[in-house]
Amino acid sequence: MERKTPMDMPYGRVIRLRPEKVSSYIFYHYQLQEEHPGRGDKYGLISIHEDKIIFL
């Protein structure tokens, strides 16, 4: 099966987050998903490892 839309250049981001802000960030991200479903990358992945957040 072929893609119907051209694939964009893949990218990822790594962001350092203060440990006391992790729960706040998770709540904020969940709130954005509830208020604007379908906004952003449909197959995006967010991972947290120690003090790093990785967006793929």
N, C-alpha and C. Protein backbone atom coordinates (compact mmCIF):
# COMPACT_ATOMS: atom_id res chain seq x y z
N MET A 1 0.84 -1.17 0.00
CA MET A 1 0.00 0.00 0.00
C MET A 1 0.89 1.24 0.00
N GLU A 2 0.59 2.18 -0.84
CA GLU A 2 1.39 3.40 -0.94
C GLU A 2 0.81 4.50 -0.07
N ARG A 3 1.68 5.39 0.37
CA ARG A 3 1.24 6.54 1.17
C ARG A 3 0.47 7.50 0.29
N LYS A 4 -0.58 8.10 0.82
CA LYS A 4 -1.36 9.09 0.08
C LYS A 4 -0.78 10.48 0.19
N THR A 5 -0.02 10.71 1.24
CA THR A 5 0.62 12.02 1.42
C THR A 5 2.12 11.82 1.49
N PRO A 6 2.89 12.78 0.98
CA PRO A 6 4.35 12.63 1.05
C PRO A 6 4.84 12.65 2.50
N MET A 7 5.86 11.85 2.76
CA MET A 7 6.42 11.78 4.11
C MET A 7 7.33 12.98 4.36
N ASP A 8 7.13 13.65 5.48
CA ASP A 8 7.99 14.76 5.87
C ASP A 8 9.32 14.23 6.39
N MET A 9 10.25 15.13 6.52
CA MET A 9 11.55 14.77 7.08
C MET A 9 11.36 14.34 8.54
N PRO A 10 11.79 13.13 8.93
CA PRO A 10 11.62 12.71 10.32
C PRO A 10 12.46 13.56 11.27
N TYR A 11 11.94 13.74 12.46
CA TYR A 11 12.67 14.53 13.44
C TYR A 11 12.30 14.05 14.84
N GLY A 12 13.11 14.41 15.78
CA GLY A 12 12.86 14.11 17.18
C GLY A 12 13.41 15.23 18.03
N ARG A 13 12.90 15.35 19.24
CA ARG A 13 13.39 16.38 20.16
C ARG A 13 13.66 15.74 21.51
N VAL A 14 14.69 16.21 22.17
CA VAL A 14 15.00 15.80 23.53
C VAL A 14 15.04 17.06 24.37
N ILE A 15 14.26 17.07 25.44
CA ILE A 15 14.16 18.26 26.29
C ILE A 15 14.44 17.85 27.73
N ARG A 16 15.23 18.65 28.42
CA ARG A 16 15.50 18.40 29.84
C ARG A 16 14.41 19.06 30.66
N LEU A 17 13.85 18.32 31.59
CA LEU A 17 12.74 18.80 32.40
C LEU A 17 13.11 18.69 33.88
N ARG A 18 12.80 19.72 34.63
CA ARG A 18 13.05 19.66 36.08
C ARG A 18 12.13 18.60 36.69
N PRO A 19 12.66 17.77 37.59
CA PRO A 19 11.86 16.67 38.16
C PRO A 19 10.55 17.13 38.80
N GLU A 20 10.52 18.30 39.41
CA GLU A 20 9.29 18.76 40.06
C GLU A 20 8.22 19.19 39.05
N LYS A 21 8.57 19.27 37.76
CA LYS A 21 7.62 19.69 36.73
C LYS A 21 7.07 18.54 35.90
N VAL A 22 7.52 17.31 36.15
CA VAL A 22 7.09 16.17 35.33
C VAL A 22 5.58 15.98 35.40
N SER A 23 5.01 15.92 36.60
CA SER A 23 3.56 15.70 36.72
C SER A 23 2.77 16.85 36.11
N SER A 24 3.26 18.06 36.25
CA SER A 24 2.60 19.22 35.66
C SER A 24 2.61 19.11 34.13
N TYR A 25 3.72 18.68 33.56
CA TYR A 25 3.81 18.53 32.12
C TYR A 25 2.85 17.46 31.62
N ILE A 26 2.79 16.32 32.32
CA ILE A 26 1.90 15.24 31.91
C ILE A 26 0.45 15.71 31.94
N PHE A 27 0.06 16.43 32.99
CA PHE A 27 -1.30 16.94 33.07
C PHE A 27 -1.58 17.92 31.94
N TYR A 28 -0.64 18.82 31.65
CA TYR A 28 -0.80 19.80 30.58
C TYR A 28 -0.96 19.11 29.22
N HIS A 29 -0.15 18.10 28.95
CA HIS A 29 -0.24 17.37 27.69
C HIS A 29 -1.58 16.66 27.57
N TYR A 30 -2.03 16.02 28.64
CA TYR A 30 -3.33 15.35 28.63
C TYR A 30 -4.45 16.35 28.37
N GLN A 31 -4.38 17.51 29.00
CA GLN A 31 -5.38 18.55 28.81
C GLN A 31 -5.42 19.02 27.36
N LEU A 32 -4.26 19.21 26.74
CA LEU A 32 -4.21 19.62 25.33
C LEU A 32 -4.87 18.56 24.43
N GLN A 33 -4.61 17.28 24.72
CA GLN A 33 -5.20 16.21 23.92
C GLN A 33 -6.72 16.19 24.06
N GLU A 34 -7.23 16.48 25.24
CA GLU A 34 -8.67 16.51 25.45
C GLU A 34 -9.33 17.70 24.76
N GLU A 35 -8.67 18.86 24.80
CA GLU A 35 -9.25 20.07 24.22
C GLU A 35 -9.12 20.13 22.71
N HIS A 36 -8.06 19.53 22.16
CA HIS A 36 -7.81 19.59 20.72
C HIS A 36 -7.46 18.20 20.18
N PRO A 37 -8.44 17.27 20.15
CA PRO A 37 -8.12 15.93 19.65
C PRO A 37 -7.71 16.00 18.17
N GLY A 38 -6.73 15.19 17.81
CA GLY A 38 -6.27 15.16 16.43
C GLY A 38 -5.24 16.21 16.09
N ARG A 39 -4.92 17.06 17.03
CA ARG A 39 -3.91 18.09 16.79
C ARG A 39 -2.52 17.49 17.01
N GLY A 40 -1.60 17.79 16.16
CA GLY A 40 -0.25 17.24 16.30
C GLY A 40 -0.09 15.96 15.51
N ASP A 41 1.02 15.30 15.71
CA ASP A 41 1.36 14.08 14.99
C ASP A 41 0.50 12.92 15.47
N LYS A 42 -0.21 12.30 14.54
CA LYS A 42 -1.12 11.21 14.88
C LYS A 42 -0.38 10.03 15.53
N TYR A 43 0.83 9.75 15.06
CA TYR A 43 1.60 8.62 15.57
C TYR A 43 2.79 9.07 16.40
N GLY A 44 2.72 10.26 16.94
CA GLY A 44 3.81 10.78 17.76
C GLY A 44 3.98 9.97 19.03
N LEU A 45 5.19 9.98 19.54
CA LEU A 45 5.51 9.23 20.75
C LEU A 45 6.24 10.15 21.72
N ILE A 46 5.80 10.15 22.96
CA ILE A 46 6.46 10.93 24.00
C ILE A 46 6.93 9.95 25.06
N SER A 47 8.21 10.01 25.38
CA SER A 47 8.79 9.14 26.41
C SER A 47 9.49 9.99 27.45
N ILE A 48 9.50 9.50 28.69
CA ILE A 48 10.22 10.18 29.77
C ILE A 48 11.27 9.22 30.30
N HIS A 49 12.50 9.69 30.36
CA HIS A 49 13.60 8.90 30.93
C HIS A 49 14.40 9.81 31.84
N GLU A 50 14.37 9.51 33.14
CA GLU A 50 15.02 10.33 34.16
C GLU A 50 14.54 11.78 34.02
N ASP A 51 15.42 12.71 33.67
CA ASP A 51 14.99 14.11 33.55
C ASP A 51 14.87 14.56 32.09
N LYS A 52 14.72 13.60 31.17
CA LYS A 52 14.62 13.91 29.75
C LYS A 52 13.25 13.53 29.21
N ILE A 53 12.69 14.37 28.36
CA ILE A 53 11.48 14.05 27.62
C ILE A 53 11.89 13.91 26.17
N ILE A 54 11.46 12.84 25.54
CA ILE A 54 11.84 12.55 24.16
C ILE A 54 10.58 12.55 23.31
N PHE A 55 10.55 13.39 22.30
CA PHE A 55 9.44 13.46 21.35
C PHE A 55 9.89 12.83 20.04
N LEU A 56 9.19 11.84 19.58
CA LEU A 56 9.50 11.21 18.30
C LEU A 56 8.30 11.26 17.40
